[in-house]
C-alpha atoms as a PDB file:
ATOM      1  CA  MET A   1       0.122  -9.840  -0.432  1.00  0.00           C
ATOM      2  CA  SER A   2       0.499  -7.656   2.533  1.00  0.00           C
ATOM      3  CA  ASP A   3      -0.590  -4.041   2.404  1.00  0.00           C
ATOM      4  CA  PRO A   4       3.014  -2.582   2.565  1.00  0.00           C
ATOM      5  CA  LEU A   5       3.980  -4.846  -0.383  1.00  0.00           C
ATOM      6  CA  ARG A   6       1.108  -3.515  -2.341  1.00  0.00           C
ATOM      7  CA  ARG A   7       1.982   0.066  -1.672  1.00  0.00           C
ATOM      8  CA  ILE A   8       5.518  -0.667  -2.794  1.00  0.00           C
ATOM      9  CA  ASP A   9       4.308  -2.397  -6.038  1.00  0.00           C
ATOM     10  CA  ALA A  10       2.134   0.690  -6.650  1.00  0.00           C
ATOM     11  CA  LEU A  11       5.237   2.896  -6.419  1.00  0.00           C
ATOM     12  CA  VAL A  12       7.052   0.912  -9.037  1.00  0.00           C
ATOM     13  CA  GLU A  13       4.267   0.745 -11.634  1.00  0.00           C
ATOM     14  CA  GLU A  14       5.026   3.247 -14.381  1.00  0.00           C
ATOM     15  CA  ASP A  15       1.955   5.385 -13.974  1.00  0.00           C
ATOM     16  CA  THR A  16       0.584   4.383 -10.596  1.00  0.00           C
ATOM     17  CA  LEU A  17       0.676   7.158  -8.043  1.00  0.00           C
ATOM     18  CA  PRO A  18       0.813   6.762  -4.223  1.00  0.00           C
ATOM     19  CA  THR A  19      -1.903   8.374  -2.095  1.00  0.00           C
ATOM     20  CA  PRO A  20      -2.126  12.104  -2.024  1.00  0.00           C
ATOM     21  CA  ARG A  21      -0.700  12.007   1.592  1.00  0.00           C
ATOM     22  CA  VAL A  22       2.339  10.001   0.430  1.00  0.00           C
ATOM     23  CA  ARG A  23       2.862  12.357  -2.552  1.00  0.00           C
ATOM     24  CA  GLN A  24       3.100  15.348  -0.061  1.00  0.00           C
ATOM     25  CA  GLN A  25       5.276  13.416   2.382  1.00  0.00           C
ATOM     26  CA  LEU A  26       7.765  12.392  -0.359  1.00  0.00           C
ATOM     27  CA  ARG A  27       7.982  16.111  -1.625  1.00  0.00           C
ATOM     28  CA  LEU A  28       8.499  17.423   1.885  1.00  0.00           C
ATOM     29  CA  ALA A  29      11.125  14.807   2.680  1.00  0.00           C
ATOM     30  CA  ALA A  30      13.093  15.930  -0.373  1.00  0.00           C
ATOM     31  CA  GLY A  31      12.726  19.535   0.724  1.00  0.00           C
ATOM     32  CA  LEU A  32      10.960  20.607  -2.325  1.00  0.00           C
ATOM     33  CA  THR A  33       8.263  23.141  -2.775  1.00  0.00           C
ATOM     34  CA  GLN A  34       5.086  22.634  -4.803  1.00  0.00           C
ATOM     35  CA  THR A  35       6.469  25.192  -7.125  1.00  0.00           C
ATOM     36  CA  GLU A  36       9.685  23.281  -7.664  1.00  0.00           C
ATOM     37  CA  VAL A  37       7.848  20.186  -8.386  1.00  0.00           C
ATOM     38  CA  ALA A  38       5.447  21.911 -10.633  1.00  0.00           C
ATOM     39  CA  ASN A  39       8.331  23.518 -12.620  1.00  0.00           C
ATOM     40  CA  ALA A  40       9.982  20.094 -12.982  1.00  0.00           C
ATOM     41  CA  ILE A  41       6.833  18.534 -14.412  1.00  0.00           C
ATOM     42  CA  GLY A  42       5.762  21.547 -16.488  1.00  0.00           C
ATOM     43  CA  VAL A  43       2.514  22.445 -14.756  1.00  0.00           C
ATOM     44  CA  LYS A  44       1.186  25.079 -12.400  1.00  0.00           C
ATOM     45  CA  ARG A  45       1.813  25.064  -8.664  1.00  0.00           C
ATOM     46  CA  LEU A  46      -1.998  24.809  -8.170  1.00  0.00           C
ATOM     47  CA  ALA A  47      -1.927  21.410 -10.023  1.00  0.00           C
ATOM     48  CA  ILE A  48       0.439  20.066  -7.517  1.00  0.00           C
ATOM     49  CA  ALA A  49      -1.546  21.268  -4.643  1.00  0.00           C
ATOM     50  CA  ARG A  50      -4.751  19.651  -6.076  1.00  0.00           C
ATOM     51  CA  TRP A  51      -2.872  16.435  -6.688  1.00  0.00           C
ATOM     52  CA  GLU A  52      -1.514  16.287  -3.184  1.00  0.00           C
ATOM     53  CA  ALA A  53      -5.052  17.184  -1.765  1.00  0.00           C
ATOM     54  CA  GLY A  54      -6.510  14.349  -3.907  1.00  0.00           C
ATOM     55  CA  LEU A  55      -8.910  16.784  -5.602  1.00  0.00           C
ATOM     56  CA  THR A  56      -7.714  16.038  -9.127  1.00  0.00           C
ATOM     57  CA  GLN A  57      -5.408  13.466 -10.809  1.00  0.00           C
ATOM     58  CA  PRO A  58      -2.772  14.316 -13.545  1.00  0.00           C
ATOM     59  CA  HIS A  59      -3.483  13.513 -17.157  1.00  0.00           C
ATOM     60  CA  ARG A  60      -1.515  10.775 -18.724  1.00  0.00           C
ATOM     61  CA  GLY A  61       1.802  12.674 -19.816  1.00  0.00           C
ATOM     62  CA  ASN A  62       1.920  14.541 -16.533  1.00  0.00           C
ATOM     63  CA  ARG A  63       1.023  11.389 -14.645  1.00  0.00           C
ATOM     64  CA  LEU A  64       4.066   9.559 -16.085  1.00  0.00           C
ATOM     65  CA  ASN A  65       6.318  12.414 -15.209  1.00  0.00           C
ATOM     66  CA  TYR A  66       4.964  12.859 -11.761  1.00  0.00           C
ATOM     67  CA  ALA A  67       5.030   9.106 -10.980  1.00  0.00           C
ATOM     68  CA  HIS A  68       8.720   8.984 -12.216  1.00  0.00           C
ATOM     69  CA  LEU A  69       9.585  11.816  -9.961  1.00  0.00           C
ATOM     70  CA  LEU A  70       7.758  10.243  -7.042  1.00  0.00           C
ATOM     71  CA  ARG A  71       9.547   6.904  -7.563  1.00  0.00           C
ATOM     72  CA  LYS A  72      12.912   8.715  -7.478  1.00  0.00           C
ATOM     73  CA  LEU A  73      11.931  10.576  -4.284  1.00  0.00           C
ATOM     74  CA  ALA A  74      10.751   7.209  -2.730  1.00  0.00           C
ATOM     75  CA  ALA A  75      14.170   5.695  -3.532  1.00  0.00           C
ATOM     76  CA  LYS A  76      15.936   8.533  -1.804  1.00  0.00           C
ATOM     77  CA  HIS A  77      13.336   8.743   1.117  1.00  0.00           C
ATOM     78  CA  PRO A  78      11.865   5.339   1.642  1.00  0.00           C
ATOM     79  CA  ASP A  79      10.451   6.213   5.015  1.00  0.00           C
ATOM     80  CA  ALA A  80       8.378   8.980   3.515  1.00  0.00           C
ATOM     81  CA  ALA A  81       6.780   6.373   1.112  1.00  0.00           C
ATOM     82  CA  ILE A  82       4.985   4.877   3.917  1.00  0.00           C
ATOM     83  CA  GLU A  83       1.409   5.790   4.645  1.00  0.00           C
ATOM     84  CA  ARG A  84       0.935   7.069   8.047  1.00  0.00           C
ATOM     85  CA  ALA A  85      -2.135   8.023  10.071  1.00  0.00           C
ATOM     86  CA  PRO A  86      -2.537  11.781  10.566  1.00  0.00           C
ATOM     87  CA  ASN A  87      -1.636  11.565  14.183  1.00  0.00           C
ATOM     88  CA  GLU A  88       1.549   9.488  13.552  1.00  0.00           C
ATOM     89  CA  GLY A  89       3.419  12.406  12.135  1.00  0.00           C
END
């Protein structure tokens, strides 16, 4: 299976999260702040910042909610769900 197909499969698994960079790209494509995402999930903004930086991972309940949100954002903003090299913008 090609890498793009694996990334797509990962987005549709119930609790699989995309890479931290894609998480941030999806949030930004939707025009959401870290605070807005945090409020929707029920965590502090710092948790979102850490998840997007790849410093920590959400626990099971938060992970399911975060994955659900990211799948919805990926459906609305499919181009943002693509992993890009830092210099590709």
